[in-house]
């Protein structure tokens, strides 16, 4: 059959997990958009980061 694949994380956690300003900002965003937890926020941020990186690389190629 084959070996089962290891599920990979689809988000990155913050490098400084207990910084007060970041915690308050995340809490505000989670409440404003009705997210269930901060993991959903981190996942959305990772997706945006990926698309922003792709867009930058395409912009550089077209010049």
PDB file of N, CA and C in Angstrom:
ATOM      1  N   UNK A   1       0.821  -1.180   0.000  1.00  0.00           N
ATOM      2  CA  UNK A   1       0.000   0.000   0.000  1.00  0.00           C
ATOM      3  C   UNK A   1       0.862   1.240   0.000  1.00  0.00           C
ATOM      4  N   UNK A   2       1.618   1.480   0.951  1.00  0.00           N
ATOM      5  CA  UNK A   2       2.405   2.704   1.019  1.00  0.00           C
ATOM      6  C   UNK A   2       2.324   3.300   2.403  1.00  0.00           C
ATOM      7  N   UNK A   3       3.297   4.075   2.698  1.00  0.00           N
ATOM      8  CA  UNK A   3       3.336   4.678   4.024  1.00  0.00           C
ATOM      9  C   UNK A   3       2.391   5.873   4.088  1.00  0.00           C
ATOM     10  N   UNK A   4       1.721   6.047   5.210  1.00  0.00           N
ATOM     11  CA  UNK A   4       0.881   7.238   5.352  1.00  0.00           C
ATOM     12  C   UNK A   4       1.756   8.490   5.438  1.00  0.00           C
ATOM     13  N   UNK A   5       1.263   9.555   4.846  1.00  0.00           N
ATOM     14  CA  UNK A   5       2.032  10.802   4.866  1.00  0.00           C
ATOM     15  C   UNK A   5       1.846  11.516   6.191  1.00  0.00           C
ATOM     16  N   UNK A   6       2.861  12.239   6.566  1.00  0.00           N
ATOM     17  CA  UNK A   6       2.816  13.005   7.806  1.00  0.00           C
ATOM     18  C   UNK A   6       2.063  14.304   7.552  1.00  0.00           C
ATOM     19  N   UNK A   7       1.018  14.581   8.319  1.00  0.00           N
ATOM     20  CA  UNK A   7       0.309  15.850   8.118  1.00  0.00           C
ATOM     21  C   UNK A   7       1.196  17.034   8.521  1.00  0.00           C
ATOM     22  N   UNK A   8       1.258  18.028   7.666  1.00  0.00           N
ATOM     23  CA  UNK A   8       2.114  19.189   7.928  1.00  0.00           C
ATOM     24  C   UNK A   8       1.288  20.354   8.450  1.00  0.00           C
ATOM     25  N   UNK A   9       1.925  21.159   9.283  1.00  0.00           N
ATOM     26  CA  UNK A   9       1.250  22.352   9.788  1.00  0.00           C
ATOM     27  C   UNK A   9       1.038  23.328   8.643  1.00  0.00           C
ATOM     28  N   UNK A  10      -0.087  23.990   8.651  1.00  0.00           N
ATOM     29  CA  UNK A  10      -0.397  24.953   7.604  1.00  0.00           C
ATOM     30  C   UNK A  10      -0.271  26.382   8.125  1.00  0.00           C
ATOM     31  N   UNK A  11       0.399  26.542   9.242  1.00  0.00           N
ATOM     32  CA  UNK A  11       0.558  27.868   9.823  1.00  0.00           C
ATOM     33  C   UNK A  11       1.879  27.924  10.567  1.00  0.00           C
ATOM     34  N   UNK A  12       2.324  29.151  10.841  1.00  0.00           N
ATOM     35  CA  UNK A  12       3.516  29.377  11.661  1.00  0.00           C
ATOM     36  C   UNK A  12       3.102  30.121  12.913  1.00  0.00           C
ATOM     37  N   UNK A  13       3.592  29.678  14.038  1.00  0.00           N
ATOM     38  CA  UNK A  13       3.299  30.371  15.286  1.00  0.00           C
ATOM     39  C   UNK A  13       4.229  31.579  15.410  1.00  0.00           C
ATOM     40  N   UNK A  14       3.859  32.566  16.200  1.00  0.00           N
ATOM     41  CA  UNK A  14       4.711  33.748  16.374  1.00  0.00           C
ATOM     42  C   UNK A  14       6.047  33.392  17.027  1.00  0.00           C
ATOM     43  N   UNK A  15       7.073  34.128  16.663  1.00  0.00           N
ATOM     44  CA  UNK A  15       8.400  33.871  17.230  1.00  0.00           C
ATOM     45  C   UNK A  15       8.475  34.275  18.700  1.00  0.00           C
ATOM     46  N   UNK A  16       7.729  35.299  19.082  1.00  0.00           N
ATOM     47  CA  UNK A  16       7.679  35.735  20.480  1.00  0.00           C
ATOM     48  C   UNK A  16       6.250  35.524  20.982  1.00  0.00           C
ATOM     49  N   UNK A  17       5.949  34.379  21.568  1.00  0.00           N
ATOM     50  CA  UNK A  17       4.557  34.032  21.866  1.00  0.00           C
ATOM     51  C   UNK A  17       3.887  34.865  22.946  1.00  0.00           C
ATOM     52  N   UNK A  18       4.628  35.510  23.828  1.00  0.00           N
ATOM     53  CA  UNK A  18       3.984  36.207  24.945  1.00  0.00           C
ATOM     54  C   UNK A  18       4.136  37.713  24.896  1.00  0.00           C
ATOM     55  N   UNK A  19       4.375  38.293  23.721  1.00  0.00           N
ATOM     56  CA  UNK A  19       4.482  39.744  23.603  1.00  0.00           C
ATOM     57  C   UNK A  19       3.091  40.362  23.747  1.00  0.00           C
ATOM     58  N   UNK A  20       2.934  41.250  24.696  1.00  0.00           N
ATOM     59  CA  UNK A  20       1.619  41.766  25.081  1.00  0.00           C
ATOM     60  C   UNK A  20       0.921  42.504  23.943  1.00  0.00           C
ATOM     61  N   UNK A  21       1.653  43.345  23.207  1.00  0.00           N
ATOM     62  CA  UNK A  21       1.023  44.116  22.134  1.00  0.00           C
ATOM     63  C   UNK A  21       0.440  43.190  21.076  1.00  0.00           C
ATOM     64  N   UNK A  22       1.200  42.161  20.700  1.00  0.00           N
ATOM     65  CA  UNK A  22       0.744  41.230  19.680  1.00  0.00           C
ATOM     66  C   UNK A  22      -0.455  40.437  20.165  1.00  0.00           C
ATOM     67  N   UNK A  23      -0.425  40.015  21.431  1.00  0.00           N
ATOM     68  CA  UNK A  23      -1.548  39.255  21.987  1.00  0.00           C
ATOM     69  C   UNK A  23      -2.836  40.070  21.959  1.00  0.00           C
ATOM     70  N   UNK A  24      -2.756  41.330  22.348  1.00  0.00           N
ATOM     71  CA  UNK A  24      -3.945  42.180  22.351  1.00  0.00           C
ATOM     72  C   UNK A  24      -4.454  42.436  20.932  1.00  0.00           C
ATOM     73  N   UNK A  25      -3.533  42.644  20.005  1.00  0.00           N
ATOM     74  CA  UNK A  25      -3.930  42.874  18.614  1.00  0.00           C
ATOM     75  C   UNK A  25      -4.604  41.633  18.031  1.00  0.00           C
ATOM     76  N   UNK A  26      -4.042  40.453  18.305  1.00  0.00           N
ATOM     77  CA  UNK A  26      -4.643  39.212  17.809  1.00  0.00           C
ATOM     78  C   UNK A  26      -6.019  38.990  18.417  1.00  0.00           C
ATOM     79  N   UNK A  27      -6.158  39.260  19.693  1.00  0.00           N
ATOM     80  CA  UNK A  27      -7.450  39.078  20.357  1.00  0.00           C
ATOM     81  C   UNK A  27      -8.508  39.987  19.736  1.00  0.00           C
ATOM     82  N   UNK A  28      -8.117  41.217  19.412  1.00  0.00           N
ATOM     83  CA  UNK A  28      -9.037  42.161  18.780  1.00  0.00           C
ATOM     84  C   UNK A  28      -9.469  41.653  17.400  1.00  0.00           C
ATOM     85  N   UNK A  29      -8.519  41.150  16.610  1.00  0.00           N
ATOM     86  CA  UNK A  29      -8.826  40.653  15.265  1.00  0.00           C
ATOM     87  C   UNK A  29      -9.704  39.410  15.335  1.00  0.00           C
ATOM     88  N   UNK A  30      -9.401  38.499  16.262  1.00  0.00           N
ATOM     89  CA  UNK A  30     -10.199  37.278  16.414  1.00  0.00           C
ATOM     90  C   UNK A  30     -11.638  37.635  16.768  1.00  0.00           C
ATOM     91  N   UNK A  31     -11.830  38.588  17.667  1.00  0.00           N
ATOM     92  CA  UNK A  31     -13.176  39.000  18.045  1.00  0.00           C
ATOM     93  C   UNK A  31     -13.907  39.719  16.919  1.00  0.00           C
ATOM     94  N   UNK A  32     -13.176  40.530  16.169  1.00  0.00           N
ATOM     95  CA  UNK A  32     -13.794  41.321  15.105  1.00  0.00           C
ATOM     96  C   UNK A  32     -14.295  40.445  13.961  1.00  0.00           C
ATOM     97  N   UNK A  33     -13.517  39.436  13.595  1.00  0.00           N
ATOM     98  CA  UNK A  33     -13.870  38.607  12.444  1.00  0.00           C
ATOM     99  C   UNK A  33     -14.515  37.278  12.834  1.00  0.00           C
ATOM    100  N   UNK A  34     -14.717  37.035  14.107  1.00  0.00           N
ATOM    101  CA  UNK A  34     -15.418  35.835  14.547  1.00  0.00           C
ATOM    102  C   UNK A  34     -14.645  34.548  14.332  1.00  0.00           C
ATOM    103  N   UNK A  35     -13.338  34.607  14.475  1.00  0.00           N
ATOM    104  CA  UNK A  35     -12.542  33.388  14.342  1.00  0.00           C
ATOM    105  C   UNK A  35     -12.670  32.560  15.615  1.00  0.00           C
ATOM    106  N   UNK A  36     -12.523  31.246  15.470  1.00  0.00           N
ATOM    107  CA  UNK A  36     -12.685  30.379  16.632  1.00  0.00           C
ATOM    108  C   UNK A  36     -11.477  30.419  17.555  1.00  0.00           C
ATOM    109  N   UNK A  37     -10.295  30.523  16.971  1.00  0.00           N
ATOM    110  CA  UNK A  37      -9.083  30.543  17.783  1.00  0.00           C
ATOM    111  C   UNK A  37      -7.978  31.265  17.015  1.00  0.00           C
ATOM    112  N   UNK A  38      -6.850  31.437  17.659  1.00  0.00           N
ATOM    113  CA  UNK A  38      -5.754  32.176  17.036  1.00  0.00           C
ATOM    114  C   UNK A  38      -5.082  31.357  15.949  1.00  0.00           C
ATOM    115  N   UNK A  39      -5.236  30.047  15.989  1.00  0.00           N
ATOM    116  CA  UNK A  39      -4.663  29.204  14.946  1.00  0.00           C
ATOM    117  C   UNK A  39      -5.266  29.565  13.579  1.00  0.00           C
ATOM    118  N   UNK A  40      -6.561  29.877  13.557  1.00  0.00           N
ATOM    119  CA  UNK A  40      -7.190  30.300  12.306  1.00  0.00           C
ATOM    120  C   UNK A  40      -6.592  31.617  11.820  1.00  0.00           C
ATOM    121  N   UNK A  41      -6.287  32.506  12.729  1.00  0.00           N
ATOM    122  CA  UNK A  41      -5.661  33.779  12.376  1.00  0.00           C
ATOM    123  C   UNK A  41      -4.268  33.544  11.800  1.00  0.00           C
ATOM    124  N   UNK A  42      -3.492  32.686  12.447  1.00  0.00           N
ATOM    125  CA  UNK A  42      -2.138  32.389  11.976  1.00  0.00           C
ATOM    126  C   UNK A  42      -2.175  31.715  10.611  1.00  0.00           C
ATOM    127  N   UNK A  43      -3.182  30.851  10.389  1.00  0.00           N
ATOM    128  CA  UNK A  43      -3.295  30.163   9.104  1.00  0.00           C
ATOM    129  C   UNK A  43      -3.611  31.163   7.995  1.00  0.00           C
ATOM    130  N   UNK A  44      -4.538  32.075   8.260  1.00  0.00           N
ATOM    131  CA  UNK A  44      -4.874  33.099   7.265  1.00  0.00           C
ATOM    132  C   UNK A  44      -3.660  33.983   6.977  1.00  0.00           C
ATOM    133  N   UNK A  45      -2.913  34.318   8.011  1.00  0.00           N
ATOM    134  CA  UNK A  45      -1.712  35.143   7.821  1.00  0.00           C
ATOM    135  C   UNK A  45      -0.681  34.404   6.973  1.00  0.00           C
ATOM    136  N   UNK A  46      -0.551  33.091   7.167  1.00  0.00           N
ATOM    137  CA  UNK A  46       0.393  32.304   6.377  1.00  0.00           C
ATOM    138  C   UNK A  46      -0.018  32.256   4.914  1.00  0.00           C
ATOM    139  N   UNK A  47      -1.323  32.106   4.667  1.00  0.00           N
ATOM    140  CA  UNK A  47      -1.814  32.074   3.288  1.00  0.00           C
ATOM    141  C   UNK A  47      -1.558  33.418   2.611  1.00  0.00           C
ATOM    142  N   UNK A  48      -1.859  34.513   3.315  1.00  0.00           N
ATOM    143  CA  UNK A  48      -1.608  35.842   2.751  1.00  0.00           C
ATOM    144  C   UNK A  48      -0.122  36.067   2.489  1.00  0.00           C
ATOM    145  N   UNK A  49       0.713  35.609   3.419  1.00  0.00           N
ATOM    146  CA  UNK A  49       2.158  35.753   3.260  1.00  0.00           C
ATOM    147  C   UNK A  49       2.626  35.021   2.008  1.00  0.00           C
ATOM    148  N   UNK A  50       2.072  33.823   1.766  1.00  0.00           N
ATOM    149  CA  UNK A  50       2.453  33.025   0.603  1.00  0.00           C
ATOM    150  C   UNK A  50       2.066  33.735  -0.692  1.00  0.00           C
ATOM    151  N   UNK A  51       0.814  34.235  -0.770  1.00  0.00           N
ATOM    152  CA  UNK A  51       0.364  34.902  -1.986  1.00  0.00           C
ATOM    153  C   UNK A  51       1.095  36.221  -2.212  1.00  0.00           C
ATOM    154  N   UNK A  52       1.429  36.926  -1.140  1.00  0.00           N
ATOM    155  CA  UNK A  52       2.174  38.179  -1.266  1.00  0.00           C
ATOM    156  C   UNK A  52       3.568  37.901  -1.828  1.00  0.00           C
ATOM    157  N   UNK A  53       4.178  36.823  -1.376  1.00  0.00           N
ATOM    158  CA  UNK A  53       5.506  36.443  -1.863  1.00  0.00           C
ATOM    159  C   UNK A  53       5.455  36.082  -3.349  1.00  0.00           C
ATOM    160  N   UNK A  54       4.409  35.346  -3.754  1.00  0.00           N
ATOM    161  CA  UNK A  54       4.247  34.978  -5.161  1.00  0.00           C
ATOM    162  C   UNK A  54       4.048  36.230  -6.011  1.00  0.00           C
ATOM    163  N   UNK A  55       3.211  37.159  -5.527  1.00  0.00           N
ATOM    164  CA  UNK A  55       2.950  38.391  -6.276  1.00  0.00           C
ATOM    165  C   UNK A  55       4.225  39.209  -6.439  1.00  0.00           C
ATOM    166  N   UNK A  56       5.025  39.286  -5.399  1.00  0.00           N
ATOM    167  CA  UNK A  56       6.284  40.033  -5.501  1.00  0.00           C
ATOM    168  C   UNK A  56       7.206  39.403  -6.527  1.00  0.00           C
ATOM    169  N   UNK A  57       7.277  38.071  -6.536  1.00  0.00           N
ATOM    170  CA  UNK A  57       8.161  37.406  -7.490  1.00  0.00           C
ATOM    171  C   UNK A  57       7.665  37.616  -8.920  1.00  0.00           C
ATOM    172  N   UNK A  58       6.345  37.626  -9.138  1.00  0.00           N
ATOM    173  CA  UNK A  58       5.807  37.873 -10.473  1.00  0.00           C
ATOM    174  C   UNK A  58       6.069  39.308 -10.911  1.00  0.00           C
ATOM    175  N   UNK A  59       5.965  40.240  -9.988  1.00  0.00           N
ATOM    176  CA  UNK A  59       6.202  41.642 -10.313  1.00  0.00           C
ATOM    177  C   UNK A  59       7.649  41.867 -10.734  1.00  0.00           C
ATOM    178  N   UNK A  60       8.563  41.208 -10.076  1.00  0.00           N
ATOM    179  CA  UNK A  60       9.979  41.348 -10.406  1.00  0.00           C
ATOM    180  C   UNK A  60      10.252  40.753 -11.778  1.00  0.00           C
ATOM    181  N   UNK A  61       9.593  39.646 -12.121  1.00  0.00           N
ATOM    182  CA  UNK A  61       9.829  39.007 -13.408  1.00  0.00           C
ATOM    183  C   UNK A  61       9.319  39.850 -14.579  1.00  0.00           C
ATOM    184  N   UNK A  62       8.256  40.632 -14.369  1.00  0.00           N
ATOM    185  CA  UNK A  62       7.669  41.379 -15.478  1.00  0.00           C
ATOM    186  C   UNK A  62       8.417  42.667 -15.805  1.00  0.00           C
ATOM    187  N   UNK A  63       9.254  43.143 -14.938  1.00  0.00           N
ATOM    188  CA  UNK A  63       9.959  44.403 -15.222  1.00  0.00           C
ATOM    189  C   UNK A  63      11.063  44.228 -16.226  1.00  0.00           C
TER     190      UNK A  63
END
